[in-house]
Protein backbone atom coordinates (compact mmCIF):
# COMPACT_ATOMS: atom_id res chain seq x y z
CA MET A 1 14.30 -17.80 -20.56
CA HIS A 2 15.69 -16.27 -23.77
CA ARG A 3 12.24 -16.10 -25.27
CA THR A 4 10.94 -13.96 -22.43
CA ALA A 5 13.99 -11.74 -22.38
CA LEU A 6 13.73 -11.04 -26.10
CA THR A 7 9.98 -10.57 -26.21
CA ARG A 8 9.39 -7.99 -23.51
CA PRO A 9 11.96 -5.24 -24.26
CA HIS A 10 10.89 -4.96 -27.93
CA ALA A 11 7.14 -5.32 -27.32
CA ALA A 12 6.49 -1.57 -27.33
CA THR A 13 8.00 -1.07 -30.80
CA ALA A 14 7.59 -4.44 -32.54
CA ALA A 15 3.92 -4.13 -33.41
CA PRO A 16 3.88 -7.16 -35.76
CA ALA A 17 4.85 -9.39 -32.79
CA ARG A 18 1.50 -8.46 -31.24
CA PRO A 19 -1.03 -8.16 -34.06
CA SER A 20 -4.04 -6.08 -33.14
CA GLY A 21 -6.33 -9.02 -33.82
CA ALA A 22 -4.43 -11.26 -31.41
CA ALA A 23 -4.34 -8.53 -28.79
CA ARG A 24 -8.09 -8.00 -29.08
CA ALA A 25 -8.71 -11.74 -28.80
CA ALA A 26 -6.53 -11.89 -25.68
CA LEU A 27 -8.38 -8.94 -24.16
CA ALA A 28 -11.79 -10.44 -25.00
CA ALA A 29 -10.83 -13.76 -23.40
CA ALA A 30 -9.58 -11.93 -20.30
CA VAL A 31 -12.84 -9.94 -20.13
CA LEU A 32 -14.96 -13.11 -20.30
CA GLY A 33 -12.81 -14.76 -17.65
CA PHE A 34 -13.23 -11.78 -15.34
CA PHE A 35 -16.96 -11.82 -16.10
CA VAL A 36 -17.55 -15.35 -14.79
CA ILE A 37 -15.24 -14.79 -11.81
CA THR A 38 -17.18 -11.70 -10.73
CA PHE A 39 -20.58 -13.09 -11.71
CA ASP A 40 -20.20 -16.08 -9.41
CA ALA A 41 -19.10 -13.87 -6.55
CA VAL A 42 -22.14 -11.59 -6.98
CA VAL A 43 -25.00 -13.73 -8.30
CA VAL A 44 -25.05 -16.21 -5.42
CA ASN A 45 -26.18 -13.55 -2.91
CA VAL A 46 -29.72 -13.20 -4.28
CA ALA A 47 -30.08 -16.99 -4.47
CA LEU A 48 -29.08 -17.71 -0.86
CA PRO A 49 -32.62 -18.03 0.58
CA SER A 50 -33.62 -20.35 -2.29
CA ILE A 51 -30.50 -22.46 -1.77
CA ARG A 52 -31.21 -22.79 1.95
CA HIS A 53 -34.83 -23.73 1.27
CA GLU A 54 -33.84 -26.55 -1.09
CA VAL A 55 -30.60 -27.97 0.37
CA GLY A 56 -30.60 -26.59 3.94
CA GLY A 57 -27.52 -25.46 5.82
CA GLY A 58 -28.73 -22.47 7.83
CA ILE A 59 -26.81 -19.17 8.04
CA THR A 60 -23.52 -21.05 8.55
CA GLY A 61 -24.09 -23.10 5.41
CA LEU A 62 -24.89 -19.96 3.41
CA GLN A 63 -21.69 -18.32 4.65
CA TRP A 64 -19.69 -21.30 3.39
CA VAL A 65 -21.45 -21.20 0.01
CA VAL A 66 -20.13 -17.66 -0.37
CA ASP A 67 -16.81 -18.07 1.44
CA GLY A 68 -15.94 -21.49 0.03
CA TYR A 69 -15.46 -19.63 -3.25
CA THR A 70 -13.71 -16.54 -1.91
CA LEU A 71 -11.51 -18.48 0.53
CA MET A 72 -9.95 -20.72 -2.11
CA PHE A 73 -9.76 -17.76 -4.44
CA ALA A 74 -7.73 -15.84 -1.86
CA ALA A 75 -5.64 -18.75 -0.62
CA LEU A 76 -4.43 -19.86 -4.06
CA LEU A 77 -4.06 -16.51 -5.80
CA LEU A 78 -0.43 -16.04 -4.75
CA SER A 79 0.70 -19.36 -6.19
CA ALA A 80 -1.55 -18.80 -9.18
CA GLY A 81 0.28 -15.57 -9.93
CA SER A 82 3.56 -17.47 -9.98
CA LEU A 83 1.91 -20.19 -12.07
CA ALA A 84 0.87 -17.65 -14.68
CA ASP A 85 4.47 -16.48 -14.92
CA ARG A 86 5.77 -20.05 -14.95
CA ILE A 87 3.61 -21.70 -17.62
CA GLY A 88 2.42 -18.61 -19.46
CA ALA A 89 -0.70 -16.51 -18.99
CA ARG A 90 -2.57 -18.06 -21.93
CA ARG A 91 -2.09 -21.64 -20.78
CA ALA A 92 -2.96 -20.77 -17.16
CA LEU A 93 -6.14 -18.95 -18.18
CA ALA A 94 -7.24 -21.85 -20.40
CA ALA A 95 -6.70 -24.40 -17.62
CA GLY A 96 -8.58 -22.22 -15.13
CA LEU A 97 -11.52 -21.77 -17.50
CA ALA A 98 -11.84 -25.51 -18.09
CA VAL A 99 -11.83 -26.37 -14.37
CA PHE A 100 -14.19 -23.47 -13.61
CA ALA A 101 -16.71 -24.76 -16.15
CA ALA A 102 -16.59 -28.28 -14.68
CA ALA A 103 -16.99 -26.96 -11.13
CA SER A 104 -19.91 -24.77 -12.21
CA ALA A 105 -21.67 -27.84 -13.58
CA ALA A 106 -21.03 -29.62 -10.27
CA CYS A 107 -22.53 -26.66 -8.35
CA GLY A 108 -25.65 -26.78 -10.48
CA LEU A 109 -26.04 -30.52 -9.95
CA ALA A 110 -25.24 -30.51 -6.19
CA PRO A 111 -27.74 -32.67 -4.25
CA ALA A 112 -26.91 -31.25 -0.80
CA ILE A 113 -25.23 -28.30 0.91
CA GLY A 114 -21.98 -30.22 1.44
CA ALA A 115 -21.60 -31.04 -2.25
CA LEU A 116 -22.40 -27.45 -3.19
CA VAL A 117 -19.79 -26.04 -0.81
CA ALA A 118 -17.19 -28.53 -2.09
CA ALA A 119 -17.88 -27.52 -5.70
CA ARG A 120 -17.64 -23.86 -4.70
CA PHE A 121 -14.18 -24.56 -3.27
CA VAL A 122 -13.12 -25.95 -6.67
CA GLN A 123 -14.68 -22.98 -8.43
CA GLY A 124 -12.68 -20.64 -6.22
CA ALA A 125 -9.45 -22.52 -6.95
CA ALA A 126 -10.07 -22.21 -10.69
CA ALA A 127 -10.92 -18.52 -10.34
CA ALA A 128 -7.63 -18.02 -8.51
CA VAL A 129 -5.76 -19.35 -11.55
CA MET A 130 -7.82 -17.26 -13.97
CA MET A 131 -7.58 -13.83 -12.33
CA PRO A 132 -3.81 -13.15 -12.37
CA ALA A 133 -3.50 -14.95 -15.69
CA SER A 134 -6.07 -12.63 -17.27
CA MET A 135 -4.28 -9.55 -15.93
CA ALA A 136 -0.86 -10.83 -17.03
CA LEU A 137 -2.28 -11.67 -20.48
CA ILE A 138 -3.35 -8.04 -20.86
CA GLY A 139 0.08 -6.89 -19.69
CA HIS A 140 1.76 -8.94 -22.42
CA ALA A 141 -0.73 -7.99 -25.15
CA TYR A 142 -0.59 -4.25 -24.35
CA PRO A 143 2.99 -3.35 -23.32
CA ASP A 144 2.51 0.42 -23.70
CA ALA A 145 1.49 2.03 -20.39
CA ARG A 146 -1.35 4.14 -21.82
CA SER A 147 -2.84 1.40 -24.02
CA ARG A 148 -2.52 -1.02 -21.10
CA ALA A 149 -4.42 1.32 -18.79
CA ARG A 150 -7.25 1.54 -21.31
CA ALA A 151 -7.19 -2.21 -21.84
CA VAL A 152 -7.46 -2.69 -18.08
CA ALA A 153 -10.49 -0.39 -18.10
CA ILE A 154 -12.10 -2.57 -20.79
CA TRP A 155 -11.14 -5.69 -18.80
CA ALA A 156 -12.82 -4.14 -15.77
CA MET A 157 -15.99 -3.89 -17.87
CA GLY A 158 -16.21 -7.67 -17.65
CA GLY A 159 -16.54 -7.35 -13.89
CA ALA A 160 -18.78 -4.30 -14.15
CA VAL A 161 -21.20 -6.05 -16.52
CA ALA A 162 -21.19 -9.12 -14.29
CA SER A 163 -21.83 -6.97 -11.23
CA SER A 164 -24.64 -5.03 -12.89
CA SER A 165 -26.35 -8.00 -14.50
CA GLY A 166 -25.65 -10.49 -11.69
CA PRO A 167 -28.37 -9.51 -9.19
CA VAL A 168 -31.17 -9.17 -11.74
CA LEU A 169 -30.09 -12.12 -13.88
CA GLY A 170 -29.65 -14.14 -10.71
CA GLY A 171 -33.14 -13.18 -9.60
CA LEU A 172 -34.59 -14.18 -12.96
CA LEU A 173 -32.75 -17.50 -13.06
CA THR A 174 -33.71 -18.26 -9.46
CA GLN A 175 -37.36 -18.03 -10.49
CA LEU A 176 -36.64 -21.17 -12.54
CA SER A 177 -34.08 -22.71 -10.19
CA TRP A 178 -31.04 -21.40 -8.33
CA ARG A 179 -29.04 -24.08 -10.17
CA TRP A 180 -29.18 -22.05 -13.40
CA ILE A 181 -26.97 -19.35 -11.90
CA PHE A 182 -24.12 -21.86 -12.24
CA PHE A 183 -25.06 -23.49 -15.54
CA ILE A 184 -24.89 -20.11 -17.30
CA ASN A 185 -21.09 -20.12 -16.85
CA LEU A 186 -20.62 -22.98 -19.31
CA PRO A 187 -21.19 -21.16 -22.64
CA VAL A 188 -19.16 -18.17 -21.45
CA ALA A 189 -16.20 -20.40 -20.61
CA VAL A 190 -16.40 -22.12 -24.01
CA ALA A 191 -16.39 -18.74 -25.80
CA ALA A 192 -13.33 -17.61 -23.83
CA LEU A 193 -11.46 -20.82 -24.69
CA LEU A 194 -12.18 -20.33 -28.39
CA LEU A 195 -10.79 -16.79 -28.20
CA LEU A 196 -7.65 -18.01 -26.45
CA ALA A 197 -7.01 -20.38 -29.34
CA ARG A 198 -6.48 -17.27 -31.51
CA THR A 199 -3.77 -15.80 -29.29
CA PRO A 200 -0.02 -16.59 -29.40
CA ARG A 201 1.83 -18.31 -26.58
CA SER A 202 2.58 -16.06 -23.63
CA PRO A 203 6.10 -15.44 -22.30
CA HIS A 204 6.98 -17.61 -19.32
CA ARG A 205 9.73 -18.12 -16.75
CA ARG A 206 10.99 -21.23 -14.99
CA VAL A 207 10.20 -20.54 -11.32
CA PRO A 208 9.83 -23.28 -8.67
CA LEU A 209 6.53 -23.27 -6.79
CA ASP A 210 6.61 -22.28 -3.12
CA TRP A 211 4.90 -25.27 -1.52
CA ALA A 212 5.67 -24.25 2.08
CA GLY A 213 4.31 -20.77 1.50
CA GLN A 214 1.18 -22.12 -0.18
CA ALA A 215 0.46 -24.58 2.62
CA THR A 216 0.84 -22.00 5.39
CA ALA A 217 -1.27 -19.48 3.43
CA VAL A 218 -4.14 -21.96 3.04
CA ILE A 219 -4.00 -22.86 6.75
CA ALA A 220 -3.89 -19.21 7.83
CA MET A 221 -6.79 -18.07 5.65
CA GLY A 222 -8.86 -21.19 6.24
CA ALA A 223 -8.47 -21.05 10.01
CA LEU A 224 -9.25 -17.33 10.11
CA THR A 225 -12.39 -17.73 8.01
CA TYR A 226 -13.54 -20.79 9.94
CA GLY A 227 -13.09 -18.97 13.25
CA ALA A 228 -15.04 -15.94 12.08
CA ILE A 229 -17.92 -18.03 10.70
CA GLU A 230 -18.16 -20.33 13.73
CA ALA A 231 -18.13 -17.32 16.05
CA GLY A 232 -21.63 -16.53 14.81
CA SER A 233 -23.13 -19.72 16.22
CA ALA A 234 -20.68 -20.62 19.01
CA GLY A 235 -19.56 -17.17 20.17
CA PHE A 236 -16.12 -15.55 19.94
CA THR A 237 -15.02 -17.16 23.22
CA ALA A 238 -15.81 -20.75 22.19
CA PRO A 239 -12.74 -23.04 22.41
CA ARG A 240 -12.90 -24.02 18.73
CA VAL A 241 -13.10 -20.37 17.70
CA ILE A 242 -10.13 -19.37 19.86
CA THR A 243 -8.18 -22.38 18.58
CA ALA A 244 -8.94 -21.42 14.97
CA PHE A 245 -7.74 -17.85 15.50
CA ALA A 246 -4.58 -19.06 17.26
CA LEU A 247 -3.87 -21.46 14.40
CA ALA A 248 -4.40 -18.64 11.90
CA ALA A 249 -1.91 -16.42 13.74
CA ALA A 250 0.70 -19.19 13.93
CA ALA A 251 0.27 -20.07 10.25
CA LEU A 252 0.54 -16.40 9.26
CA ALA A 253 3.81 -16.09 11.17
CA ALA A 254 5.10 -19.24 9.46
CA PHE A 255 4.02 -17.90 6.08
CA LEU A 256 5.89 -14.63 6.56
CA ALA A 257 8.97 -16.56 7.66
CA THR A 258 8.90 -18.72 4.52
CA GLN A 259 8.52 -15.65 2.33
CA ALA A 260 11.43 -13.86 4.01
CA ARG A 261 13.81 -16.85 3.92
CA GLY A 262 12.66 -18.95 0.97
CA ARG A 263 14.66 -19.05 -2.26
CA HIS A 264 11.57 -18.73 -4.45
CA PRO A 265 8.78 -17.11 -2.38
CA MET A 266 5.36 -16.83 -3.98
CA MET A 267 4.95 -13.37 -2.39
CA PRO A 268 8.37 -11.69 -2.64
CA LEU A 269 8.49 -9.28 0.26
CA GLU A 270 10.58 -6.86 -1.79
CA LEU A 271 7.40 -6.07 -3.72
CA PHE A 272 6.25 -4.12 -0.69
CA ARG A 273 9.25 -1.84 -0.88
CA SER A 274 7.19 -0.11 -3.54
CA ARG A 275 4.84 2.32 -1.83
CA THR A 276 2.42 1.97 -4.74
CA VAL A 277 2.17 -1.80 -4.26
CA SER A 278 1.64 -1.50 -0.50
CA VAL A 279 -1.07 1.15 -0.84
CA ALA A 280 -2.80 -0.76 -3.66
CA VAL A 281 -3.00 -3.88 -1.47
CA VAL A 282 -4.65 -1.89 1.34
CA ILE A 283 -7.11 -0.27 -1.07
CA GLY A 284 -8.01 -3.61 -2.64
CA PHE A 285 -8.75 -5.16 0.76
CA ALA A 286 -10.84 -2.25 2.02
CA PHE A 287 -12.83 -1.79 -1.17
CA ILE A 288 -13.99 -5.40 -1.31
CA VAL A 289 -14.98 -5.43 2.38
CA GLY A 290 -17.72 -2.98 1.45
CA TYR A 291 -18.40 -4.11 -2.10
CA TYR A 292 -18.84 -7.80 -1.19
CA GLY A 293 -20.12 -7.31 2.33
CA LEU A 294 -22.97 -4.99 1.32
CA PRO A 295 -24.73 -7.38 -1.13
CA PHE A 296 -24.42 -10.29 1.31
CA VAL A 297 -26.05 -8.37 4.15
CA ILE A 298 -28.63 -6.40 2.17
CA SER A 299 -29.73 -9.40 0.07
CA LEU A 300 -30.61 -11.35 3.21
CA TYR A 301 -32.25 -8.26 4.74
CA LEU A 302 -34.47 -7.54 1.73
CA GLN A 303 -35.64 -11.15 1.41
CA GLN A 304 -35.83 -12.31 5.03
CA VAL A 305 -36.88 -9.08 6.78
CA ARG A 306 -38.65 -7.10 4.08
CA GLY A 307 -40.12 -10.12 2.27
CA LEU A 308 -38.93 -9.31 -1.26
CA SER A 309 -38.55 -11.99 -3.91
CA ALA A 310 -35.16 -12.86 -5.39
CA LEU A 311 -36.05 -10.92 -8.56
CA ALA A 312 -37.17 -7.82 -6.64
CA THR A 313 -34.00 -8.00 -4.54
CA GLY A 314 -31.89 -8.16 -7.68
CA ALA A 315 -33.76 -5.14 -9.07
CA ALA A 316 -32.93 -3.17 -5.91
CA PHE A 317 -29.23 -3.65 -6.65
CA LEU A 318 -29.59 -2.67 -10.31
CA PRO A 319 -28.99 1.12 -9.93
CA MET A 320 -25.84 0.51 -7.87
CA MET A 321 -24.44 -1.92 -10.41
CA LEU A 322 -25.47 0.04 -13.50
CA ILE A 323 -23.74 3.22 -12.38
CA GLY A 324 -20.53 1.25 -11.98
CA ALA A 325 -20.87 -0.34 -15.41
CA ALA A 326 -21.66 3.02 -17.05
CA LEU A 327 -18.61 4.81 -15.62
CA THR A 328 -16.04 2.02 -15.88
CA PRO A 329 -15.17 2.70 -19.57
CA PHE A 330 -14.18 6.26 -18.60
CA SER A 331 -12.03 5.35 -15.60
CA ALA A 332 -8.74 5.41 -17.51
CA ARG A 333 -9.40 8.87 -18.94
CA LEU A 334 -10.51 10.15 -15.54
CA ALA A 335 -7.29 8.83 -14.00
CA GLU A 336 -5.22 10.52 -16.72
CA ARG A 337 -6.85 13.86 -15.93
CA ALA A 338 -7.38 13.78 -12.17
CA GLY A 339 -4.85 11.18 -11.04
CA THR A 340 -5.33 7.81 -9.39
CA ARG A 341 -4.89 9.26 -5.90
CA THR A 342 -7.78 11.70 -6.30
CA LEU A 343 -10.09 9.04 -7.70
CA ALA A 344 -9.21 6.49 -5.03
CA ILE A 345 -9.76 8.92 -2.14
CA GLY A 346 -13.01 10.22 -3.63
CA GLY A 347 -14.35 6.76 -4.43
CA LEU A 348 -13.61 5.34 -0.98
CA ALA A 349 -15.15 8.42 0.66
CA LEU A 350 -18.33 7.94 -1.40
CA MET A 351 -18.44 4.28 -0.41
CA ALA A 352 -18.08 5.12 3.29
CA THR A 353 -20.81 7.76 3.04
CA GLY A 354 -23.24 5.34 1.43
CA LEU A 355 -22.52 2.61 3.98
CA VAL A 356 -23.06 4.96 6.93
CA LEU A 357 -26.32 6.28 5.52
CA LEU A 358 -27.59 2.75 4.93
CA ALA A 359 -26.62 1.79 8.47
CA VAL A 360 -28.66 4.56 10.11
CA LEU A 361 -31.82 4.21 8.00
CA PRO A 362 -35.03 3.29 9.85
CA ALA A 363 -36.26 -0.27 9.31
CA SER A 364 -39.34 1.06 7.49
CA THR A 365 -37.34 2.95 4.84
CA PRO A 366 -38.80 2.42 1.34
CA VAL A 367 -36.80 0.01 -0.79
CA TRP A 368 -36.25 2.67 -3.49
CA GLU A 369 -34.38 4.82 -0.96
CA ILE A 370 -32.13 1.87 -0.07
CA ALA A 371 -31.47 1.31 -3.77
CA ALA A 372 -30.63 5.00 -4.27
CA LEU A 373 -28.14 5.07 -1.40
CA MET A 374 -26.42 1.94 -2.66
CA VAL A 375 -25.54 3.95 -5.78
CA LEU A 376 -22.89 5.73 -3.69
CA VAL A 377 -21.18 2.38 -3.15
CA GLY A 378 -21.54 1.56 -6.84
CA LEU A 379 -19.79 4.80 -7.81
CA ALA A 380 -16.70 3.67 -5.93
CA GLY A 381 -16.15 0.73 -8.29
CA PRO A 382 -15.01 2.58 -11.44
CA LEU A 383 -13.32 5.33 -9.44
CA VAL A 384 -11.13 2.98 -7.41
CA MET A 385 -10.43 -0.43 -8.92
CA PRO A 386 -9.42 0.11 -12.60
CA PRO A 387 -7.06 3.06 -11.90
CA VAL A 388 -5.45 1.32 -8.92
CA THR A 389 -5.05 -1.90 -10.92
CA ALA A 390 -3.36 -0.06 -13.79
CA VAL A 391 -1.03 1.88 -11.52
CA LEU A 392 -0.06 -1.38 -9.77
CA LEU A 393 0.86 -3.09 -13.06
CA ASN A 394 2.95 -0.08 -14.08
CA ALA A 395 4.80 -0.09 -10.75
CA VAL A 396 6.32 -3.59 -11.10
CA PRO A 397 8.69 -5.18 -13.67
CA ALA A 398 6.94 -7.00 -16.49
CA HIS A 399 8.21 -10.40 -15.35
CA GLN A 400 6.47 -9.92 -11.99
CA ALA A 401 3.08 -8.96 -13.43
CA GLY A 402 1.52 -12.30 -12.47
CA VAL A 403 2.90 -12.27 -8.93
CA ALA A 404 1.94 -8.63 -8.32
CA SER A 405 -1.60 -9.15 -9.58
CA GLY A 406 -1.85 -12.27 -7.43
CA VAL A 407 -0.84 -10.32 -4.31
CA PHE A 408 -3.27 -7.52 -5.16
CA ASN A 409 -6.22 -9.81 -5.79
CA THR A 410 -5.42 -11.89 -2.72
CA SER A 411 -5.90 -8.77 -0.62
CA ARG A 412 -9.25 -8.23 -2.34
CA GLN A 413 -10.49 -11.76 -1.79
CA VAL A 414 -9.31 -11.90 1.82
CA GLY A 415 -11.35 -8.74 2.36
CA GLY A 416 -14.41 -10.37 0.81
CA ALA A 417 -14.05 -13.63 2.73
CA LEU A 418 -13.59 -11.86 6.06
CA ALA A 419 -16.49 -9.50 5.37
CA VAL A 420 -18.93 -12.38 4.77
CA ALA A 421 -17.56 -14.36 7.72
CA VAL A 422 -17.63 -11.49 10.21
CA PHE A 423 -20.86 -9.93 8.98
CA GLY A 424 -22.60 -13.31 8.95
CA ALA A 425 -21.45 -13.87 12.52
CA LEU A 426 -22.85 -10.48 13.52
CA LEU A 427 -26.19 -11.24 11.83
CA ALA A 428 -26.48 -14.44 13.88
CA GLN A 429 -25.82 -12.75 17.24
CA PRO A 430 -28.58 -12.60 19.90
CA ALA A 431 -28.85 -8.82 19.43
CA GLY A 432 -30.82 -9.51 16.27
CA PHE A 433 -30.53 -9.25 12.50
CA LEU A 434 -31.01 -5.48 12.21
CA THR A 435 -28.40 -4.71 14.85
CA GLY A 436 -25.95 -7.06 13.16
CA MET A 437 -26.64 -5.51 9.76
CA ARG A 438 -26.06 -1.96 10.99
CA THR A 439 -22.89 -2.91 12.83
CA SER A 440 -21.60 -4.66 9.70
CA LEU A 441 -22.21 -1.63 7.48
CA LEU A 442 -20.51 0.70 9.96
CA ILE A 443 -17.47 -1.59 10.12
CA ALA A 444 -17.25 -1.57 6.31
CA ALA A 445 -17.50 2.24 6.31
CA ALA A 446 -14.68 2.55 8.85
CA VAL A 447 -12.45 0.26 6.78
CA ALA A 448 -13.15 2.32 3.63
CA LEU A 449 -12.30 5.57 5.42
CA ALA A 450 -9.04 4.10 6.72
CA ALA A 451 -8.09 3.10 3.17
CA ALA A 452 -8.97 6.59 1.91
CA ALA A 453 -6.49 8.00 4.41
CA VAL A 454 -3.80 5.56 3.25
CA SER A 455 -4.52 6.54 -0.38
CA PHE A 456 -2.93 9.93 0.25
CA ARG A 457 0.40 8.08 -0.01
CA LEU A 458 -0.16 7.39 -3.70
CA ALA A 459 1.85 9.61 -6.05
CA PRO A 460 -0.14 12.73 -7.03
CA ALA A 461 -1.18 13.37 -10.63
CA ARG A 462 1.41 14.95 -12.89
CA HIS A 463 0.05 17.80 -14.99
CA HIS A 464 1.77 18.40 -18.33
């Protein structure tokens, strides 16, 4: 307790306590961690047809390959944020990296769809530990608000590089075997662990874990995702689907009750008294609905309907991902000049425009036109996520950095899990694949526009 209390207040002035070399090593480790987290969320999309061909599973199995990862990611993020504060960001990130590497090896060696989905669940659990720990590690290494914002922009480059390289690299690796998309995580994880060994211990606090809150959160998210996925094959009125949704609602109510009354809630409801935190959570959810939902739908469309190979499909996503990677390093400076509110509204509006245009394209549209329109969605990445992440970290006390980042990233992963579940269900409806694809894209556009409207509640830029 005393160590944390003494470290944080003097961090901004006591430069020797945070040598630049240690800070850079911490940032590099966080970047690599974010890289593998994002890479495994993105790369699997172009490999889905190959996975189904080799290990089976159908559209429902493919949904679980994607959502097994995002579901556990979302369900455990809240506790993981508390864990990062409890044991220290460095230790939490190291543990997450080690488990992630082991789970990646299990994914690559999976003999059947069930084993693959199980390994993806473990991967998601490890990613949940890594994400808030990497953000909290940056918060400790860069206590100054401006340097932290720029460090967050560099951290976001890990995700941007993973997003831009994921589709093409995934397509290339799938030419050999889809299993290589998981094996590639191993050297990256080892490099990150070596970097962490060069960083000092992170501050930590003794906080009991909220077991009741964690259990109800897992039940709520799991039941909701299961219901949405099963609705694709059984219909939304099937008894098991209705039961799953009812269970999700009951578990959500129980979760909120535990957070309101518990002595040590993993999601302190007082966080949401901050307007910035509340708006950031909405933005995170809405952004990922489009950013994760689009590759899932379009990857299947390009390979199953248009007959493209995995490599050609990855190449179609390259312009969208490259524009995000190219602009991400400038996001902090753009936010300093224009303000986070302006960037968030503009980015979400661009995303909605791109999704609507893709939804109304004729089925015979050339692939290069599809790739060009997806650039509008790619532009939203650097305009929305890094500035909103930085403003969120600056809006909460330092000792709640792990919890706040866990809440924020939970909203993102819930958005991704629901997008894949709902959009996959729509693709499997009797109306046909194209109708389901267009409906999915229009839903994502509507969600982005709603978040753009909410973004007006962010504080405007201050001009000096």
